[in-house]
C-alpha cells in the first residue's frame, strides 16, 4: 500500500470545514458503518458483504475506489465491471465522510494544536481505530493521514 494520499475530486470541498463538501450528500447510517470499517482496516478495504447498490452509491460519491492488479485506479464504470481479485478501498473523501461533525471539529482542533485529547477519551479511541490519531509519548497527536485530511478538507487546499 502506498503512503501517498490522493484526493482526486476534492475540488468540490469548501474551505469552511463544513460537514460535507459543497453539493455532496452525507452518508447513510449503513454507508457510514461500512466506511468506518474500511477506515479501520489496515489497507482500507470495505467489508465483503457490502451490496452492489451501496458500492455504486459510494463509488459515485468518490468515497471508495478499486484498483486493477497493477495498482492502477480504475474509473467508476470500469471498477463496477472489473473481474479481477481486488478489494474496494476507502478514499480520503470517504474517510472524511465517515466522521461525525464532532470528530471533524476535534480533528481540526488537534491539527491547530488548540486542544489536548486524553488517551482514555472515547473520542480518542474512535479516531485511533480509523488511523487518524495516535499516542505519542502519552499525548494524542494526528497521524500523517489525520493531518492530511484536516489540511485538505478544512483548509480547502485540495492536496495534503
C-alpha atoms as a PDB file:
ATOM      1  CA  UNK A   1       0.000   0.000   0.000  1.00  0.00           C
ATOM      2  CA  UNK A   2       1.290   3.403  -0.912  1.00  0.00           C
ATOM      3  CA  UNK A   3       1.741   6.061   1.749  1.00  0.00           C
ATOM      4  CA  UNK A   4       0.740   8.760  -0.713  1.00  0.00           C
ATOM      5  CA  UNK A   5      -2.704  10.218  -0.261  1.00  0.00           C
ATOM      6  CA  UNK A   6      -4.650  11.049  -3.391  1.00  0.00           C
ATOM      7  CA  UNK A   7      -7.527  13.463  -3.045  1.00  0.00           C
ATOM      8  CA  UNK A   8      -8.908  13.155  -6.534  1.00  0.00           C
ATOM      9  CA  UNK A   9     -12.068  15.131  -6.939  1.00  0.00           C
ATOM     10  CA  UNK A  10     -11.610  17.083  -3.724  1.00  0.00           C
ATOM     11  CA  UNK A  11     -12.009  20.401  -5.508  1.00  0.00           C
ATOM     12  CA  UNK A  12     -15.703  20.387  -4.503  1.00  0.00           C
ATOM     13  CA  UNK A  13     -14.753  20.788  -0.862  1.00  0.00           C
ATOM     14  CA  UNK A  14     -15.393  24.126   0.778  1.00  0.00           C
ATOM     15  CA  UNK A  15     -12.771  25.698   2.989  1.00  0.00           C
ATOM     16  CA  UNK A  16     -15.215  26.208   5.842  1.00  0.00           C
ATOM     17  CA  UNK A  17     -14.780  22.787   7.434  1.00  0.00           C
ATOM     18  CA  UNK A  18     -18.428  22.066   6.752  1.00  0.00           C
ATOM     19  CA  UNK A  19     -19.857  18.639   7.381  1.00  0.00           C
ATOM     20  CA  UNK A  20     -19.954  17.746   3.688  1.00  0.00           C
ATOM     21  CA  UNK A  21     -18.346  19.097   0.539  1.00  0.00           C
ATOM     22  CA  UNK A  22     -20.408  21.659  -1.375  1.00  0.00           C
ATOM     23  CA  UNK A  23     -23.303  19.938  -3.117  1.00  0.00           C
ATOM     24  CA  UNK A  24     -22.468  16.496  -1.729  1.00  0.00           C
ATOM     25  CA  UNK A  25     -24.770  14.338   0.339  1.00  0.00           C
ATOM     26  CA  UNK A  26     -23.793  12.780   3.629  1.00  0.00           C
ATOM     27  CA  UNK A  27     -23.540   9.016   4.025  1.00  0.00           C
ATOM     28  CA  UNK A  28     -26.477   6.956   5.200  1.00  0.00           C
ATOM     29  CA  UNK A  29     -26.101   5.162   8.520  1.00  0.00           C
ATOM     30  CA  UNK A  30     -25.223   1.914   6.702  1.00  0.00           C
ATOM     31  CA  UNK A  31     -22.713   3.643   4.397  1.00  0.00           C
ATOM     32  CA  UNK A  32     -21.074   5.351   7.383  1.00  0.00           C
ATOM     33  CA  UNK A  33     -20.826   1.965   9.125  1.00  0.00           C
ATOM     34  CA  UNK A  34     -19.073   0.428   6.114  1.00  0.00           C
ATOM     35  CA  UNK A  35     -16.808   3.451   5.667  1.00  0.00           C
ATOM     36  CA  UNK A  36     -15.773   3.233   9.315  1.00  0.00           C
ATOM     37  CA  UNK A  37     -14.984  -0.466   8.842  1.00  0.00           C
ATOM     38  CA  UNK A  38     -12.845   0.390   5.838  1.00  0.00           C
ATOM     39  CA  UNK A  39     -11.171   3.214   7.736  1.00  0.00           C
ATOM     40  CA  UNK A  40     -10.149   0.827  10.487  1.00  0.00           C
ATOM     41  CA  UNK A  41      -8.906  -1.865   8.069  1.00  0.00           C
ATOM     42  CA  UNK A  42      -5.086  -1.701   7.681  1.00  0.00           C
ATOM     43  CA  UNK A  43      -5.405  -1.479   3.881  1.00  0.00           C
ATOM     44  CA  UNK A  44      -8.664   0.487   3.808  1.00  0.00           C
ATOM     45  CA  UNK A  45     -10.762  -2.376   2.422  1.00  0.00           C
ATOM     46  CA  UNK A  46     -14.544  -2.364   2.600  1.00  0.00           C
ATOM     47  CA  UNK A  47     -16.109  -5.464   4.145  1.00  0.00           C
ATOM     48  CA  UNK A  48     -17.078  -8.118   1.612  1.00  0.00           C
ATOM     49  CA  UNK A  49     -20.800  -8.069   2.414  1.00  0.00           C
ATOM     50  CA  UNK A  50     -21.488  -4.562   1.029  1.00  0.00           C
ATOM     51  CA  UNK A  51     -24.296  -4.701  -1.530  1.00  0.00           C
ATOM     52  CA  UNK A  52     -23.718  -3.719  -5.151  1.00  0.00           C
ATOM     53  CA  UNK A  53     -26.239  -0.891  -4.728  1.00  0.00           C
ATOM     54  CA  UNK A  54     -24.306   0.633  -1.821  1.00  0.00           C
ATOM     55  CA  UNK A  55     -20.991   0.118  -3.616  1.00  0.00           C
ATOM     56  CA  UNK A  56     -22.343   2.011  -6.627  1.00  0.00           C
ATOM     57  CA  UNK A  57     -23.655   4.829  -4.414  1.00  0.00           C
ATOM     58  CA  UNK A  58     -20.361   5.165  -2.506  1.00  0.00           C
ATOM     59  CA  UNK A  59     -18.374   4.984  -5.733  1.00  0.00           C
ATOM     60  CA  UNK A  60     -20.475   7.811  -7.202  1.00  0.00           C
ATOM     61  CA  UNK A  61     -19.652   9.965  -4.146  1.00  0.00           C
ATOM     62  CA  UNK A  62     -15.922   9.137  -4.547  1.00  0.00           C
ATOM     63  CA  UNK A  63     -15.840   7.574  -1.084  1.00  0.00           C
ATOM     64  CA  UNK A  64     -14.357   4.331  -2.420  1.00  0.00           C
ATOM     65  CA  UNK A  65     -12.303   3.159  -5.377  1.00  0.00           C
ATOM     66  CA  UNK A  66     -10.921  -0.001  -6.900  1.00  0.00           C
ATOM     67  CA  UNK A  67      -7.512  -0.815  -8.370  1.00  0.00           C
ATOM     68  CA  UNK A  68      -6.558  -3.320 -11.005  1.00  0.00           C
ATOM     69  CA  UNK A  69      -3.853  -5.925 -10.347  1.00  0.00           C
ATOM     70  CA  UNK A  70      -1.119  -3.397 -11.218  1.00  0.00           C
ATOM     71  CA  UNK A  71      -2.379  -0.823  -8.716  1.00  0.00           C
ATOM     72  CA  UNK A  72      -3.949   1.437 -11.349  1.00  0.00           C
ATOM     73  CA  UNK A  73      -7.032   3.225 -10.002  1.00  0.00           C
ATOM     74  CA  UNK A  74      -9.989   2.232 -12.148  1.00  0.00           C
ATOM     75  CA  UNK A  75     -12.601   4.663 -13.417  1.00  0.00           C
ATOM     76  CA  UNK A  76     -16.058   4.205 -11.882  1.00  0.00           C
ATOM     77  CA  UNK A  77     -17.585   2.323 -14.825  1.00  0.00           C
ATOM     78  CA  UNK A  78     -14.551   0.033 -15.115  1.00  0.00           C
ATOM     79  CA  UNK A  79     -14.476  -0.555 -11.365  1.00  0.00           C
ATOM     80  CA  UNK A  80     -18.060  -1.842 -11.326  1.00  0.00           C
ATOM     81  CA  UNK A  81     -17.402  -4.403 -14.065  1.00  0.00           C
ATOM     82  CA  UNK A  82     -13.821  -5.374 -13.136  1.00  0.00           C
ATOM     83  CA  UNK A  83     -13.496  -9.124 -12.584  1.00  0.00           C
ATOM     84  CA  UNK A  84     -10.002  -9.224 -11.069  1.00  0.00           C
ATOM     85  CA  UNK A  85      -9.183 -10.024  -7.471  1.00  0.00           C
ATOM     86  CA  UNK A  86      -9.080  -6.608  -5.842  1.00  0.00           C
ATOM     87  CA  UNK A  87     -10.994  -5.034  -2.984  1.00  0.00           C
ATOM     88  CA  UNK A  88     -12.930  -1.805  -2.712  1.00  0.00           C
ATOM     89  CA  UNK A  89     -10.844   0.742  -0.803  1.00  0.00           C
ATOM     90  CA  UNK A  90     -11.759   3.890   1.050  1.00  0.00           C
ATOM     91  CA  UNK A  91     -10.658   7.277  -0.310  1.00  0.00           C
ATOM     92  CA  UNK A  92      -9.696  10.314   1.770  1.00  0.00           C
ATOM     93  CA  UNK A  93     -13.110  11.770   0.870  1.00  0.00           C
ATOM     94  CA  UNK A  94     -14.666   8.558   2.257  1.00  0.00           C
ATOM     95  CA  UNK A  95     -12.670   8.832   5.473  1.00  0.00           C
ATOM     96  CA  UNK A  96     -13.871  12.412   5.895  1.00  0.00           C
ATOM     97  CA  UNK A  97     -17.496  11.417   5.148  1.00  0.00           C
ATOM     98  CA  UNK A  98     -17.344   8.666   7.789  1.00  0.00           C
ATOM     99  CA  UNK A  99     -16.529  11.153  10.535  1.00  0.00           C
ATOM    100  CA  UNK A 100     -19.219  12.875  12.545  1.00  0.00           C
ATOM    101  CA  UNK A 101     -19.268  16.671  12.693  1.00  0.00           C
ATOM    102  CA  UNK A 102     -17.867  16.453  16.232  1.00  0.00           C
ATOM    103  CA  UNK A 103     -14.983  14.216  15.094  1.00  0.00           C
ATOM    104  CA  UNK A 104     -14.183  16.647  12.253  1.00  0.00           C
ATOM    105  CA  UNK A 105     -14.052  19.547  14.694  1.00  0.00           C
ATOM    106  CA  UNK A 106     -11.822  17.560  17.032  1.00  0.00           C
ATOM    107  CA  UNK A 107      -9.501  16.577  14.190  1.00  0.00           C
ATOM    108  CA  UNK A 108      -9.282  20.216  13.138  1.00  0.00           C
ATOM    109  CA  UNK A 109      -8.581  21.364  16.695  1.00  0.00           C
ATOM    110  CA  UNK A 110      -5.840  18.750  17.086  1.00  0.00           C
ATOM    111  CA  UNK A 111      -4.305  19.963  13.829  1.00  0.00           C
ATOM    112  CA  UNK A 112      -4.315  23.518  15.150  1.00  0.00           C
ATOM    113  CA  UNK A 113      -2.846  22.272  18.473  1.00  0.00           C
ATOM    114  CA  UNK A 114      -5.659  24.160  20.200  1.00  0.00           C
ATOM    115  CA  UNK A 115      -6.948  21.186  22.166  1.00  0.00           C
ATOM    116  CA  UNK A 116      -5.495  18.344  24.206  1.00  0.00           C
ATOM    117  CA  UNK A 117      -7.098  14.937  23.863  1.00  0.00           C
ATOM    118  CA  UNK A 118      -6.942  12.427  26.699  1.00  0.00           C
ATOM    119  CA  UNK A 119      -5.864   8.951  25.637  1.00  0.00           C
ATOM    120  CA  UNK A 120      -8.743   7.362  27.531  1.00  0.00           C
ATOM    121  CA  UNK A 121     -11.396   9.569  25.940  1.00  0.00           C
ATOM    122  CA  UNK A 122     -13.920   7.714  23.794  1.00  0.00           C
ATOM    123  CA  UNK A 123     -13.338  10.246  21.020  1.00  0.00           C
ATOM    124  CA  UNK A 124      -9.638   9.359  21.018  1.00  0.00           C
ATOM    125  CA  UNK A 125     -10.396   5.654  20.729  1.00  0.00           C
ATOM    126  CA  UNK A 126     -12.651   6.190  17.714  1.00  0.00           C
ATOM    127  CA  UNK A 127     -10.047   8.296  15.916  1.00  0.00           C
ATOM    128  CA  UNK A 128      -7.256   5.843  16.774  1.00  0.00           C
ATOM    129  CA  UNK A 129      -9.316   2.981  15.299  1.00  0.00           C
ATOM    130  CA  UNK A 130      -9.524   4.756  11.937  1.00  0.00           C
ATOM    131  CA  UNK A 131      -5.817   5.671  11.994  1.00  0.00           C
ATOM    132  CA  UNK A 132      -6.276   9.452  12.304  1.00  0.00           C
ATOM    133  CA  UNK A 133      -4.673   9.981  15.726  1.00  0.00           C
ATOM    134  CA  UNK A 134      -2.020   8.110  17.703  1.00  0.00           C
ATOM    135  CA  UNK A 135      -0.473   8.162  21.155  1.00  0.00           C
ATOM    136  CA  UNK A 136       2.984   9.710  21.021  1.00  0.00           C
ATOM    137  CA  UNK A 137       4.627   9.702  24.442  1.00  0.00           C
ATOM    138  CA  UNK A 138       1.313   9.866  26.265  1.00  0.00           C
ATOM    139  CA  UNK A 139      -0.024  12.690  24.087  1.00  0.00           C
ATOM    140  CA  UNK A 140      -2.598  12.124  21.375  1.00  0.00           C
ATOM    141  CA  UNK A 141      -1.440  13.563  18.052  1.00  0.00           C
ATOM    142  CA  UNK A 142      -2.610  13.460  14.471  1.00  0.00           C
ATOM    143  CA  UNK A 143      -1.157  10.770  12.263  1.00  0.00           C
ATOM    144  CA  UNK A 144       0.145  11.753   8.837  1.00  0.00           C
ATOM    145  CA  UNK A 145      -3.208  10.660   7.434  1.00  0.00           C
ATOM    146  CA  UNK A 146      -5.156  12.661  10.031  1.00  0.00           C
ATOM    147  CA  UNK A 147      -3.087  15.771   9.374  1.00  0.00           C
ATOM    148  CA  UNK A 148      -3.529  15.336   5.624  1.00  0.00           C
ATOM    149  CA  UNK A 149      -7.308  15.073   5.957  1.00  0.00           C
ATOM    150  CA  UNK A 150      -7.534  18.121   8.195  1.00  0.00           C
ATOM    151  CA  UNK A 151      -5.321  20.153   5.886  1.00  0.00           C
ATOM    152  CA  UNK A 152      -7.108  19.124   2.692  1.00  0.00           C
ATOM    153  CA  UNK A 153     -10.720  19.221   3.821  1.00  0.00           C
ATOM    154  CA  UNK A 154     -10.686  22.054   6.334  1.00  0.00           C
ATOM    155  CA  UNK A 155      -8.284  24.471   4.693  1.00  0.00           C
ATOM    156  CA  UNK A 156      -9.632  23.661   1.240  1.00  0.00           C
ATOM    157  CA  UNK A 157      -6.100  23.101  -0.029  1.00  0.00           C
ATOM    158  CA  UNK A 158      -7.232  20.104  -2.056  1.00  0.00           C
ATOM    159  CA  UNK A 159      -3.944  18.248  -1.623  1.00  0.00           C
ATOM    160  CA  UNK A 160      -2.204  17.140   1.561  1.00  0.00           C
END
